[in-house]
Amino acid sequence: MVSERAFNEILLEILKDPDLKVVFEGNPRGFLRQRGIVVPDDVELRVHEDTARLRHIVIPYLEGPPPATVEELEERLARSASFA
């Protein structure tokens, strides 16, 4: 599992270095692997960048039935913060 902190550190690195961002956009799987994060081969990665006039809304994948409450949703989202 990838901690939110670890992913945010990678995100900060990408935001600070435009060349690194290009590398990440071109090969996110390889980029993450170089940083010790292995994404299973059967998981497709797509990189999207928000702009001042464009926002992306991601509907998360959660195994099992839909959560019954907001609290359950938050708990399951916290547990699902992984590529595995």
C-alpha atoms as a PDB file:
ATOM      1  CA  MET A   1       0.000   0.000   0.000  1.00  0.00           C
ATOM      2  CA  VAL A   2       1.218   3.509  -0.815  1.00  0.00           C
ATOM      3  CA  SER A   3       0.729   6.048   1.946  1.00  0.00           C
ATOM      4  CA  GLU A   4      -0.862   9.361   1.087  1.00  0.00           C
ATOM      5  CA  ARG A   5       2.307  11.055   2.332  1.00  0.00           C
ATOM      6  CA  ALA A   6       4.542   8.981   0.024  1.00  0.00           C
ATOM      7  CA  PHE A   7       2.331   9.712  -2.967  1.00  0.00           C
ATOM      8  CA  ASN A   8       2.224  13.434  -2.109  1.00  0.00           C
ATOM      9  CA  GLU A   9       6.033  13.490  -1.965  1.00  0.00           C
ATOM     10  CA  ILE A  10       6.129  12.059  -5.493  1.00  0.00           C
ATOM     11  CA  LEU A  11       3.492  14.564  -6.625  1.00  0.00           C
ATOM     12  CA  LEU A  12       5.521  17.441  -5.192  1.00  0.00           C
ATOM     13  CA  GLU A  13       8.613  16.192  -7.014  1.00  0.00           C
ATOM     14  CA  ILE A  14       6.667  16.116 -10.296  1.00  0.00           C
ATOM     15  CA  LEU A  15       5.181  19.590  -9.760  1.00  0.00           C
ATOM     16  CA  LYS A  16       8.605  21.106  -9.083  1.00  0.00           C
ATOM     17  CA  ASP A  17      10.322  19.603 -12.137  1.00  0.00           C
ATOM     18  CA  PRO A  18       8.643  19.989 -15.567  1.00  0.00           C
ATOM     19  CA  ASP A  19      11.029  17.468 -17.159  1.00  0.00           C
ATOM     20  CA  LEU A  20      10.172  14.896 -14.506  1.00  0.00           C
ATOM     21  CA  LYS A  21       6.477  15.548 -15.113  1.00  0.00           C
ATOM     22  CA  VAL A  22       6.971  14.670 -18.787  1.00  0.00           C
ATOM     23  CA  VAL A  23       8.666  11.413 -17.783  1.00  0.00           C
ATOM     24  CA  PHE A  24       5.806  10.587 -15.394  1.00  0.00           C
ATOM     25  CA  GLU A  25       3.153  11.384 -17.998  1.00  0.00           C
ATOM     26  CA  GLY A  26       4.908   9.210 -20.581  1.00  0.00           C
ATOM     27  CA  ASN A  27       5.511   6.187 -18.353  1.00  0.00           C
ATOM     28  CA  PRO A  28       3.755   6.406 -14.989  1.00  0.00           C
ATOM     29  CA  ARG A  29       4.258   2.689 -14.255  1.00  0.00           C
ATOM     30  CA  GLY A  30       8.018   2.860 -14.821  1.00  0.00           C
ATOM     31  CA  PHE A  31       8.292   6.135 -12.928  1.00  0.00           C
ATOM     32  CA  LEU A  32       6.521   4.684  -9.896  1.00  0.00           C
ATOM     33  CA  ARG A  33       8.511   1.444 -10.093  1.00  0.00           C
ATOM     34  CA  GLN A  34      11.751   3.457  -9.897  1.00  0.00           C
ATOM     35  CA  ARG A  35      10.446   4.836  -6.613  1.00  0.00           C
ATOM     36  CA  GLY A  36       9.578   1.443  -5.179  1.00  0.00           C
ATOM     37  CA  ILE A  37       5.879   1.429  -6.039  1.00  0.00           C
ATOM     38  CA  VAL A  38       4.932  -1.603  -8.103  1.00  0.00           C
ATOM     39  CA  VAL A  39       1.648  -1.425  -9.973  1.00  0.00           C
ATOM     40  CA  PRO A  40       0.278  -4.813 -11.079  1.00  0.00           C
ATOM     41  CA  ASP A  41       0.444  -5.384 -14.837  1.00  0.00           C
ATOM     42  CA  ASP A  42      -3.320  -5.862 -15.043  1.00  0.00           C
ATOM     43  CA  VAL A  43      -3.940  -2.353 -13.647  1.00  0.00           C
ATOM     44  CA  GLU A  44      -4.098   0.383 -16.288  1.00  0.00           C
ATOM     45  CA  LEU A  45      -2.822   3.828 -15.318  1.00  0.00           C
ATOM     46  CA  ARG A  46      -4.036   7.060 -16.899  1.00  0.00           C
ATOM     47  CA  VAL A  47      -2.515  10.404 -15.993  1.00  0.00           C
ATOM     48  CA  HIS A  48      -4.745  13.477 -16.138  1.00  0.00           C
ATOM     49  CA  GLU A  49      -3.766  17.017 -15.220  1.00  0.00           C
ATOM     50  CA  ASP A  50      -6.178  19.612 -13.889  1.00  0.00           C
ATOM     51  CA  THR A  51      -5.913  23.160 -15.202  1.00  0.00           C
ATOM     52  CA  ALA A  52      -7.470  26.455 -14.187  1.00  0.00           C
ATOM     53  CA  ARG A  53     -10.475  25.660 -16.389  1.00  0.00           C
ATOM     54  CA  LEU A  54     -10.585  21.850 -16.296  1.00  0.00           C
ATOM     55  CA  ARG A  55     -11.130  19.576 -13.312  1.00  0.00           C
ATOM     56  CA  HIS A  56     -11.307  15.789 -13.245  1.00  0.00           C
ATOM     57  CA  ILE A  57     -13.679  13.942 -10.953  1.00  0.00           C
ATOM     58  CA  VAL A  58     -12.667  10.360 -10.225  1.00  0.00           C
ATOM     59  CA  ILE A  59     -15.264   7.836  -9.149  1.00  0.00           C
ATOM     60  CA  PRO A  60     -13.275   5.383  -7.031  1.00  0.00           C
ATOM     61  CA  TYR A  61     -13.353   1.626  -7.434  1.00  0.00           C
ATOM     62  CA  LEU A  62     -14.503  -0.119  -4.274  1.00  0.00           C
ATOM     63  CA  GLU A  63     -14.920  -3.891  -4.015  1.00  0.00           C
ATOM     64  CA  GLY A  64     -18.205  -5.202  -2.705  1.00  0.00           C
ATOM     65  CA  PRO A  65     -21.534  -3.483  -2.237  1.00  0.00           C
ATOM     66  CA  PRO A  66     -21.753   0.309  -2.054  1.00  0.00           C
ATOM     67  CA  PRO A  67     -21.048   1.792   1.378  1.00  0.00           C
ATOM     68  CA  ALA A  68     -24.107   2.438   3.529  1.00  0.00           C
ATOM     69  CA  THR A  69     -22.841   5.650   5.156  1.00  0.00           C
ATOM     70  CA  VAL A  70     -20.385   8.468   4.538  1.00  0.00           C
ATOM     71  CA  GLU A  71     -18.285   7.143   7.421  1.00  0.00           C
ATOM     72  CA  GLU A  72     -18.073   3.715   5.788  1.00  0.00           C
ATOM     73  CA  LEU A  73     -17.185   5.345   2.463  1.00  0.00           C
ATOM     74  CA  GLU A  74     -14.375   7.332   4.095  1.00  0.00           C
ATOM     75  CA  GLU A  75     -13.056   4.203   5.813  1.00  0.00           C
ATOM     76  CA  ARG A  76     -13.101   2.168   2.611  1.00  0.00           C
ATOM     77  CA  LEU A  77     -11.486   4.963   0.611  1.00  0.00           C
ATOM     78  CA  ALA A  78      -8.670   5.163   3.154  1.00  0.00           C
ATOM     79  CA  ARG A  79      -8.094   1.400   2.870  1.00  0.00           C
ATOM     80  CA  SER A  80      -8.227   1.441  -0.936  1.00  0.00           C
ATOM     81  CA  ALA A  81      -5.401   3.973  -1.371  1.00  0.00           C
ATOM     82  CA  SER A  82      -3.259   1.345  -3.047  1.00  0.00           C
ATOM     83  CA  PHE A  83      -2.470   0.031  -6.493  1.00  0.00           C
ATOM     84  CA  ALA A  84      -2.464  -3.586  -5.301  1.00  0.00           C
END
